[in-house]
């Protein structure tokens, strides 16, 4: 086997959750930051909790609004083009 190809193993790695929970585990990183852990995850707590930390719903709604606006502008251009063609004929 090749020497020195494996990462360093830390048997006492600390995990910090956004809820404030801290626990230790084995990892190749000394410190790990997580957004959800077993102390605050809805599956383990039984409480419903919305986990929209990245604003995914807002981003989706913005994209949807932009697409609707483009679609409306395109249909308006098409309608104006059709009226111009009808006026020439």
PDB file of N, CA and C in Angstrom:
ATOM      1  N   UNK A   1       0.830  -1.183   0.000  1.00  0.00           N
ATOM      2  CA  UNK A   1       0.000   0.000   0.000  1.00  0.00           C
ATOM      3  C   UNK A   1       0.873   1.245   0.000  1.00  0.00           C
ATOM      4  N   UNK A   2       0.340   2.318  -0.579  1.00  0.00           N
ATOM      5  CA  UNK A   2       1.070   3.574  -0.611  1.00  0.00           C
ATOM      6  C   UNK A   2       1.027   4.245   0.758  1.00  0.00           C
ATOM      7  N   UNK A   3       2.090   4.881   1.117  1.00  0.00           N
ATOM      8  CA  UNK A   3       2.164   5.577   2.398  1.00  0.00           C
ATOM      9  C   UNK A   3       1.666   7.011   2.247  1.00  0.00           C
ATOM     10  N   UNK A   4       1.085   7.539   3.282  1.00  0.00           N
ATOM     11  CA  UNK A   4       0.653   8.936   3.381  1.00  0.00           C
ATOM     12  C   UNK A   4      -0.384   9.336   2.335  1.00  0.00           C
ATOM     13  N   UNK A   5      -1.314   8.452   1.993  1.00  0.00           N
ATOM     14  CA  UNK A   5      -2.375   8.825   1.055  1.00  0.00           C
ATOM     15  C   UNK A   5      -3.708   9.031   1.772  1.00  0.00           C
ATOM     16  N   UNK A   6      -3.792   8.606   3.019  1.00  0.00           N
ATOM     17  CA  UNK A   6      -5.046   8.727   3.757  1.00  0.00           C
ATOM     18  C   UNK A   6      -5.092  10.034   4.538  1.00  0.00           C
ATOM     19  N   UNK A   7      -6.269  10.646   4.652  1.00  0.00           N
ATOM     20  CA  UNK A   7      -6.374  11.884   5.423  1.00  0.00           C
ATOM     21  C   UNK A   7      -6.223  11.599   6.918  1.00  0.00           C
ATOM     22  N   UNK A   8      -5.941  12.637   7.674  1.00  0.00           N
ATOM     23  CA  UNK A   8      -5.784  12.510   9.121  1.00  0.00           C
ATOM     24  C   UNK A   8      -7.141  12.234   9.750  1.00  0.00           C
ATOM     25  N   UNK A   9      -7.183  11.281  10.669  1.00  0.00           N
ATOM     26  CA  UNK A   9      -8.423  10.907  11.338  1.00  0.00           C
ATOM     27  C   UNK A   9      -8.465  11.551  12.724  1.00  0.00           C
ATOM     28  N   UNK A  10      -9.538  12.271  13.002  1.00  0.00           N
ATOM     29  CA  UNK A  10      -9.732  12.904  14.299  1.00  0.00           C
ATOM     30  C   UNK A  10     -10.862  12.173  15.028  1.00  0.00           C
ATOM     31  N   UNK A  11     -10.547  11.352  16.020  1.00  0.00           N
ATOM     32  CA  UNK A  11     -11.600  10.596  16.711  1.00  0.00           C
ATOM     33  C   UNK A  11     -12.477  11.472  17.605  1.00  0.00           C
ATOM     34  N   UNK A  12     -12.024  12.658  17.951  1.00  0.00           N
ATOM     35  CA  UNK A  12     -12.790  13.565  18.806  1.00  0.00           C
ATOM     36  C   UNK A  12     -13.168  14.838  18.052  1.00  0.00           C
ATOM     37  N   UNK A  13     -13.710  14.710  16.848  1.00  0.00           N
ATOM     38  CA  UNK A  13     -14.132  15.870  16.064  1.00  0.00           C
ATOM     39  C   UNK A  13     -15.397  16.458  16.678  1.00  0.00           C
ATOM     40  N   UNK A  14     -15.452  17.803  16.771  1.00  0.00           N
ATOM     41  CA  UNK A  14     -16.612  18.481  17.359  1.00  0.00           C
ATOM     42  C   UNK A  14     -17.562  18.919  16.257  1.00  0.00           C
ATOM     43  N   UNK A  15     -18.837  18.672  16.474  1.00  0.00           N
ATOM     44  CA  UNK A  15     -19.886  19.069  15.533  1.00  0.00           C
ATOM     45  C   UNK A  15     -20.719  20.150  16.203  1.00  0.00           C
ATOM     46  N   UNK A  16     -20.845  21.316  15.536  1.00  0.00           N
ATOM     47  CA  UNK A  16     -21.621  22.443  16.049  1.00  0.00           C
ATOM     48  C   UNK A  16     -22.863  22.599  15.179  1.00  0.00           C
ATOM     49  N   UNK A  17     -24.026  22.562  15.800  1.00  0.00           N
ATOM     50  CA  UNK A  17     -25.275  22.742  15.064  1.00  0.00           C
ATOM     51  C   UNK A  17     -25.729  24.196  15.188  1.00  0.00           C
ATOM     52  N   UNK A  18     -26.559  24.638  14.250  1.00  0.00           N
ATOM     53  CA  UNK A  18     -27.102  25.992  14.287  1.00  0.00           C
ATOM     54  C   UNK A  18     -28.017  26.196  15.495  1.00  0.00           C
ATOM     55  N   UNK A  19     -28.583  25.130  16.028  1.00  0.00           N
ATOM     56  CA  UNK A  19     -29.461  25.242  17.193  1.00  0.00           C
ATOM     57  C   UNK A  19     -28.670  25.386  18.489  1.00  0.00           C
ATOM     58  N   UNK A  20     -27.366  25.198  18.436  1.00  0.00           N
ATOM     59  CA  UNK A  20     -26.526  25.325  19.617  1.00  0.00           C
ATOM     60  C   UNK A  20     -26.041  23.994  20.168  1.00  0.00           C
ATOM     61  N   UNK A  21     -26.528  22.902  19.644  1.00  0.00           N
ATOM     62  CA  UNK A  21     -26.122  21.580  20.100  1.00  0.00           C
ATOM     63  C   UNK A  21     -24.687  21.294  19.638  1.00  0.00           C
ATOM     64  N   UNK A  22     -23.870  20.732  20.545  1.00  0.00           N
ATOM     65  CA  UNK A  22     -22.488  20.367  20.232  1.00  0.00           C
ATOM     66  C   UNK A  22     -22.280  18.922  20.657  1.00  0.00           C
ATOM     67  N   UNK A  23     -21.687  18.103  19.780  1.00  0.00           N
ATOM     68  CA  UNK A  23     -21.368  16.723  20.121  1.00  0.00           C
ATOM     69  C   UNK A  23     -20.087  16.317  19.415  1.00  0.00           C
ATOM     70  N   UNK A  24     -19.521  15.200  19.815  1.00  0.00           N
ATOM     71  CA  UNK A  24     -18.270  14.738  19.214  1.00  0.00           C
ATOM     72  C   UNK A  24     -18.508  13.459  18.431  1.00  0.00           C
ATOM     73  N   UNK A  25     -17.690  13.279  17.406  1.00  0.00           N
ATOM     74  CA  UNK A  25     -17.750  12.095  16.562  1.00  0.00           C
ATOM     75  C   UNK A  25     -16.390  11.936  15.889  1.00  0.00           C
ATOM     76  N   UNK A  26     -16.194  10.906  15.155  1.00  0.00           N
ATOM     77  CA  UNK A  26     -14.957  10.713  14.416  1.00  0.00           C
ATOM     78  C   UNK A  26     -15.090  11.273  13.015  1.00  0.00           C
ATOM     79  N   UNK A  27     -14.062  11.976  12.556  1.00  0.00           N
ATOM     80  CA  UNK A  27     -14.129  12.578  11.235  1.00  0.00           C
ATOM     81  C   UNK A  27     -12.720  12.916  10.742  1.00  0.00           C
ATOM     82  N   UNK A  28     -12.633  13.299   9.482  1.00  0.00           N
ATOM     83  CA  UNK A  28     -11.366  13.761   8.930  1.00  0.00           C
ATOM     84  C   UNK A  28     -11.227  15.272   9.095  1.00  0.00           C
ATOM     85  N   UNK A  29     -12.241  15.933   9.656  1.00  0.00           N
ATOM     86  CA  UNK A  29     -12.201  17.358   9.959  1.00  0.00           C
ATOM     87  C   UNK A  29     -12.243  17.545  11.471  1.00  0.00           C
ATOM     88  N   UNK A  30     -11.523  18.543  12.005  1.00  0.00           N
ATOM     89  CA  UNK A  30     -11.532  18.786  13.443  1.00  0.00           C
ATOM     90  C   UNK A  30     -12.854  19.401  13.899  1.00  0.00           C
ATOM     91  N   UNK A  31     -13.365  20.363  13.133  1.00  0.00           N
ATOM     92  CA  UNK A  31     -14.598  21.078  13.466  1.00  0.00           C
ATOM     93  C   UNK A  31     -15.561  20.964  12.287  1.00  0.00           C
ATOM     94  N   UNK A  32     -16.832  20.674  12.592  1.00  0.00           N
ATOM     95  CA  UNK A  32     -17.852  20.561  11.551  1.00  0.00           C
ATOM     96  C   UNK A  32     -19.023  21.432  11.966  1.00  0.00           C
ATOM     97  N   UNK A  33     -19.500  22.257  11.058  1.00  0.00           N
ATOM     98  CA  UNK A  33     -20.672  23.085  11.310  1.00  0.00           C
ATOM     99  C   UNK A  33     -21.846  22.575  10.487  1.00  0.00           C
ATOM    100  N   UNK A  34     -22.977  22.307  11.147  1.00  0.00           N
ATOM    101  CA  UNK A  34     -24.159  21.806  10.453  1.00  0.00           C
ATOM    102  C   UNK A  34     -25.353  22.706  10.766  1.00  0.00           C
ATOM    103  N   UNK A  35     -26.366  22.679   9.907  1.00  0.00           N
ATOM    104  CA  UNK A  35     -27.564  23.481  10.108  1.00  0.00           C
ATOM    105  C   UNK A  35     -28.622  22.718  10.892  1.00  0.00           C
ATOM    106  N   UNK A  36     -28.666  21.401  10.754  1.00  0.00           N
ATOM    107  CA  UNK A  36     -29.684  20.587  11.399  1.00  0.00           C
ATOM    108  C   UNK A  36     -29.013  19.367  12.016  1.00  0.00           C
ATOM    109  N   UNK A  37     -29.399  19.038  13.247  1.00  0.00           N
ATOM    110  CA  UNK A  37     -28.867  17.841  13.905  1.00  0.00           C
ATOM    111  C   UNK A  37     -30.037  17.036  14.464  1.00  0.00           C
ATOM    112  N   UNK A  38     -29.739  15.953  15.149  1.00  0.00           N
ATOM    113  CA  UNK A  38     -30.806  15.110  15.682  1.00  0.00           C
ATOM    114  C   UNK A  38     -31.578  15.797  16.798  1.00  0.00           C
ATOM    115  N   UNK A  39     -31.015  16.822  17.412  1.00  0.00           N
ATOM    116  CA  UNK A  39     -31.714  17.536  18.480  1.00  0.00           C
ATOM    117  C   UNK A  39     -32.758  18.510  17.936  1.00  0.00           C
ATOM    118  N   UNK A  40     -32.606  18.946  16.691  1.00  0.00           N
ATOM    119  CA  UNK A  40     -33.551  19.924  16.150  1.00  0.00           C
ATOM    120  C   UNK A  40     -34.237  19.467  14.853  1.00  0.00           C
ATOM    121  N   UNK A  41     -33.890  18.308  14.327  1.00  0.00           N
ATOM    122  CA  UNK A  41     -34.510  17.834  13.090  1.00  0.00           C
ATOM    123  C   UNK A  41     -35.952  17.409  13.355  1.00  0.00           C
ATOM    124  N   UNK A  42     -36.881  17.807  12.481  1.00  0.00           N
ATOM    125  CA  UNK A  42     -38.296  17.485  12.697  1.00  0.00           C
ATOM    126  C   UNK A  42     -38.592  15.989  12.787  1.00  0.00           C
ATOM    127  N   UNK A  43     -37.820  15.162  12.118  1.00  0.00           N
ATOM    128  CA  UNK A  43     -38.054  13.720  12.163  1.00  0.00           C
ATOM    129  C   UNK A  43     -37.845  13.186  13.576  1.00  0.00           C
ATOM    130  N   UNK A  44     -36.851  13.710  14.279  1.00  0.00           N
ATOM    131  CA  UNK A  44     -36.535  13.228  15.614  1.00  0.00           C
ATOM    132  C   UNK A  44     -37.317  13.951  16.704  1.00  0.00           C
ATOM    133  N   UNK A  45     -37.664  15.229  16.478  1.00  0.00           N
ATOM    134  CA  UNK A  45     -38.363  16.003  17.510  1.00  0.00           C
ATOM    135  C   UNK A  45     -39.869  15.838  17.434  1.00  0.00           C
ATOM    136  N   UNK A  46     -40.395  15.521  16.260  1.00  0.00           N
ATOM    137  CA  UNK A  46     -41.838  15.382  16.096  1.00  0.00           C
ATOM    138  C   UNK A  46     -42.545  16.711  15.901  1.00  0.00           C
ATOM    139  N   UNK A  47     -41.801  17.801  15.814  1.00  0.00           N
ATOM    140  CA  UNK A  47     -42.379  19.123  15.603  1.00  0.00           C
ATOM    141  C   UNK A  47     -42.097  19.561  14.181  1.00  0.00           C
ATOM    142  N   UNK A  48     -43.119  20.172  13.556  1.00  0.00           N
ATOM    143  CA  UNK A  48     -42.928  20.647  12.190  1.00  0.00           C
ATOM    144  C   UNK A  48     -42.112  21.930  12.229  1.00  0.00           C
ATOM    145  N   UNK A  49     -41.127  22.015  11.330  1.00  0.00           N
ATOM    146  CA  UNK A  49     -40.244  23.162  11.290  1.00  0.00           C
ATOM    147  C   UNK A  49     -39.854  23.397   9.844  1.00  0.00           C
ATOM    148  N   UNK A  50     -39.978  24.635   9.389  1.00  0.00           N
ATOM    149  CA  UNK A  50     -39.611  24.939   8.020  1.00  0.00           C
ATOM    150  C   UNK A  50     -38.123  25.234   7.962  1.00  0.00           C
ATOM    151  N   UNK A  51     -37.417  24.527   7.080  1.00  0.00           N
ATOM    152  CA  UNK A  51     -35.976  24.656   6.963  1.00  0.00           C
ATOM    153  C   UNK A  51     -35.614  25.321   5.638  1.00  0.00           C
ATOM    154  N   UNK A  52     -36.002  26.579   5.482  1.00  0.00           N
ATOM    155  CA  UNK A  52     -35.714  27.312   4.260  1.00  0.00           C
ATOM    156  C   UNK A  52     -34.577  28.287   4.520  1.00  0.00           C
ATOM    157  N   UNK A  53     -33.390  27.764   4.809  1.00  0.00           N
ATOM    158  CA  UNK A  53     -32.273  28.621   5.184  1.00  0.00           C
ATOM    159  C   UNK A  53     -31.679  29.353   3.989  1.00  0.00           C
ATOM    160  N   UNK A  54     -31.764  28.783   2.825  1.00  0.00           N
ATOM    161  CA  UNK A  54     -31.148  29.417   1.663  1.00  0.00           C
ATOM    162  C   UNK A  54     -32.124  30.313   0.909  1.00  0.00           C
ATOM    163  N   UNK A  55     -33.361  30.428   1.379  1.00  0.00           N
ATOM    164  CA  UNK A  55     -34.348  31.241   0.692  1.00  0.00           C
ATOM    165  C   UNK A  55     -34.784  30.609  -0.616  1.00  0.00           C
ATOM    166  N   UNK A  56     -34.837  29.297  -0.647  1.00  0.00           N
ATOM    167  CA  UNK A  56     -35.162  28.584  -1.889  1.00  0.00           C
ATOM    168  C   UNK A  56     -36.555  28.933  -2.397  1.00  0.00           C
ATOM    169  N   UNK A  57     -37.501  29.070  -1.483  1.00  0.00           N
ATOM    170  CA  UNK A  57     -38.872  29.384  -1.893  1.00  0.00           C
ATOM    171  C   UNK A  57     -38.913  30.776  -2.510  1.00  0.00           C
ATOM    172  N   UNK A  58     -38.238  31.739  -1.891  1.00  0.00           N
ATOM    173  CA  UNK A  58     -38.207  33.100  -2.425  1.00  0.00           C
ATOM    174  C   UNK A  58     -37.537  33.138  -3.789  1.00  0.00           C
ATOM    175  N   UNK A  59     -36.429  32.413  -3.923  1.00  0.00           N
ATOM    176  CA  UNK A  59     -35.733  32.376  -5.210  1.00  0.00           C
ATOM    177  C   UNK A  59     -36.630  31.780  -6.295  1.00  0.00           C
ATOM    178  N   UNK A  60     -37.364  30.716  -5.941  1.00  0.00           N
ATOM    179  CA  UNK A  60     -38.252  30.091  -6.912  1.00  0.00           C
ATOM    180  C   UNK A  60     -39.355  31.065  -7.322  1.00  0.00           C
ATOM    181  N   UNK A  61     -39.948  31.747  -6.347  1.00  0.00           N
ATOM    182  CA  UNK A  61     -41.012  32.700  -6.654  1.00  0.00           C
ATOM    183  C   UNK A  61     -40.504  33.846  -7.520  1.00  0.00           C
ATOM    184  N   UNK A  62     -39.276  34.298  -7.309  1.00  0.00           N
ATOM    185  CA  UNK A  62     -38.696  35.349  -8.137  1.00  0.00           C
ATOM    186  C   UNK A  62     -38.490  34.866  -9.566  1.00  0.00           C
ATOM    187  N   UNK A  63     -37.994  33.636  -9.716  1.00  0.00           N
ATOM    188  CA  UNK A  63     -37.808  33.080 -11.062  1.00  0.00           C
ATOM    189  C   UNK A  63     -39.146  32.925 -11.768  1.00  0.00           C
ATOM    190  N   UNK A  64     -40.167  32.486 -11.036  1.00  0.00           N
ATOM    191  CA  UNK A  64     -41.490  32.308 -11.607  1.00  0.00           C
ATOM    192  C   UNK A  64     -42.075  33.643 -12.058  1.00  0.00           C
ATOM    193  N   UNK A  65     -41.905  34.686 -11.240  1.00  0.00           N
ATOM    194  CA  UNK A  65     -42.397  36.015 -11.600  1.00  0.00           C
ATOM    195  C   UNK A  65     -41.667  36.545 -12.826  1.00  0.00           C
ATOM    196  N   UNK A  66     -40.356  36.330 -12.900  1.00  0.00           N
ATOM    197  CA  UNK A  66     -39.582  36.786 -14.057  1.00  0.00           C
ATOM    198  C   UNK A  66     -40.021  36.060 -15.323  1.00  0.00           C
ATOM    199  N   UNK A  67     -40.289  34.767 -15.223  1.00  0.00           N
ATOM    200  CA  UNK A  67     -40.744  33.993 -16.380  1.00  0.00           C
ATOM    201  C   UNK A  67     -42.118  34.468 -16.837  1.00  0.00           C
ATOM    202  N   UNK A  68     -43.014  34.757 -15.899  1.00  0.00           N
ATOM    203  CA  UNK A  68     -44.343  35.269 -16.256  1.00  0.00           C
ATOM    204  C   UNK A  68     -44.247  36.620 -16.958  1.00  0.00           C
ATOM    205  N   UNK A  69     -43.342  37.478 -16.465  1.00  0.00           N
ATOM    206  CA  UNK A  69     -43.154  38.796 -17.062  1.00  0.00           C
ATOM    207  C   UNK A  69     -42.633  38.659 -18.488  1.00  0.00           C
ATOM    208  N   UNK A  70     -41.650  37.766 -18.699  1.00  0.00           N
ATOM    209  CA  UNK A  70     -41.114  37.546 -20.049  1.00  0.00           C
ATOM    210  C   UNK A  70     -42.192  37.005 -20.983  1.00  0.00           C
ATOM    211  N   UNK A  71     -43.006  36.087 -20.461  1.00  0.00           N
ATOM    212  CA  UNK A  71     -44.069  35.493 -21.273  1.00  0.00           C
ATOM    213  C   UNK A  71     -45.083  36.565 -21.678  1.00  0.00           C
ATOM    214  N   UNK A  72     -45.423  37.462 -20.755  1.00  0.00           N
ATOM    215  CA  UNK A  72     -46.376  38.532 -21.055  1.00  0.00           C
ATOM    216  C   UNK A  72     -45.792  39.505 -22.081  1.00  0.00           C
ATOM    217  N   UNK A  73     -44.504  39.847 -21.946  1.00  0.00           N
ATOM    218  CA  UNK A  73     -43.859  40.743 -22.912  1.00  0.00           C
ATOM    219  C   UNK A  73     -43.813  40.111 -24.295  1.00  0.00           C
ATOM    220  N   UNK A  74     -43.527  38.816 -24.360  1.00  0.00           N
ATOM    221  CA  UNK A  74     -43.459  38.126 -25.647  1.00  0.00           C
ATOM    222  C   UNK A  74     -44.832  38.087 -26.314  1.00  0.00           C
ATOM    223  N   UNK A  75     -45.871  37.828 -25.535  1.00  0.00           N
ATOM    224  CA  UNK A  75     -47.212  37.789 -26.122  1.00  0.00           C
ATOM    225  C   UNK A  75     -47.640  39.182 -26.579  1.00  0.00           C
ATOM    226  N   UNK A  76     -47.230  40.222 -25.872  1.00  0.00           N
ATOM    227  CA  UNK A  76     -47.545  41.593 -26.287  1.00  0.00           C
ATOM    228  C   UNK A  76     -46.832  41.942 -27.589  1.00  0.00           C
ATOM    229  N   UNK A  77     -45.547  41.566 -27.695  1.00  0.00           N
ATOM    230  CA  UNK A  77     -44.810  41.803 -28.951  1.00  0.00           C
ATOM    231  C   UNK A  77     -45.457  41.053 -30.108  1.00  0.00           C
ATOM    232  N   UNK A  78     -45.888  39.818 -29.846  1.00  0.00           N
ATOM    233  CA  UNK A  78     -46.523  39.010 -30.889  1.00  0.00           C
ATOM    234  C   UNK A  78     -47.844  39.638 -31.318  1.00  0.00           C
ATOM    235  N   UNK A  79     -48.606  40.149 -30.336  1.00  0.00           N
ATOM    236  CA  UNK A  79     -49.884  40.789 -30.650  1.00  0.00           C
ATOM    237  C   UNK A  79     -49.657  42.046 -31.476  1.00  0.00           C
ATOM    238  N   UNK A  80     -48.666  42.860 -31.118  1.00  0.00           N
ATOM    239  CA  UNK A  80     -48.362  44.084 -31.870  1.00  0.00           C
ATOM    240  C   UNK A  80     -47.891  43.760 -33.284  1.00  0.00           C
ATOM    241  N   UNK A  81     -47.100  42.698 -33.423  1.00  0.00           N
ATOM    242  CA  UNK A  81     -46.613  42.294 -34.737  1.00  0.00           C
ATOM    243  C   UNK A  81     -47.785  41.844 -35.615  1.00  0.00           C
ATOM    244  N   UNK A  82     -48.719  41.111 -35.013  1.00  0.00           N
ATOM    245  CA  UNK A  82     -49.899  40.653 -35.767  1.00  0.00           C
ATOM    246  C   UNK A  82     -50.771  41.840 -36.180  1.00  0.00           C
ATOM    247  N   UNK A  83     -50.927  42.823 -35.315  1.00  0.00           N
ATOM    248  CA  UNK A  83     -51.708  44.015 -35.663  1.00  0.00           C
ATOM    249  C   UNK A  83     -51.040  44.798 -36.786  1.00  0.00           C
ATOM    250  N   UNK A  84     -49.712  44.903 -36.738  1.00  0.00           N
ATOM    251  CA  UNK A  84     -48.987  45.614 -37.802  1.00  0.00           C
ATOM    252  C   UNK A  84     -49.139  44.888 -39.129  1.00  0.00           C
ATOM    253  N   UNK A  85     -49.088  43.568 -39.107  1.00  0.00           N
ATOM    254  CA  UNK A  85     -49.244  42.778 -40.328  1.00  0.00           C
ATOM    255  C   UNK A  85     -50.665  42.912 -40.870  1.00  0.00           C
ATOM    256  N   UNK A  86     -51.657  42.969 -39.978  1.00  0.00           N
ATOM    257  CA  UNK A  86     -53.053  43.108 -40.407  1.00  0.00           C
ATOM    258  C   UNK A  86     -53.296  44.498 -40.976  1.00  0.00           C
ATOM    259  N   UNK A  87     -52.638  45.513 -40.419  1.00  0.00           N
ATOM    260  CA  UNK A  87     -52.813  46.879 -40.896  1.00  0.00           C
ATOM    261  C   UNK A  87     -52.208  47.050 -42.297  1.00  0.00           C
ATOM    262  N   UNK A  88     -51.132  46.345 -42.588  1.00  0.00           N
ATOM    263  CA  UNK A  88     -50.490  46.434 -43.905  1.00  0.00           C
ATOM    264  C   UNK A  88     -51.318  45.727 -44.964  1.00  0.00           C
ATOM    265  N   UNK A  89     -52.040  44.702 -44.571  1.00  0.00           N
ATOM    266  CA  UNK A  89     -52.768  43.898 -45.560  1.00  0.00           C
ATOM    267  C   UNK A  89     -54.071  44.502 -45.985  1.00  0.00           C
TER     268      UNK A  89
END
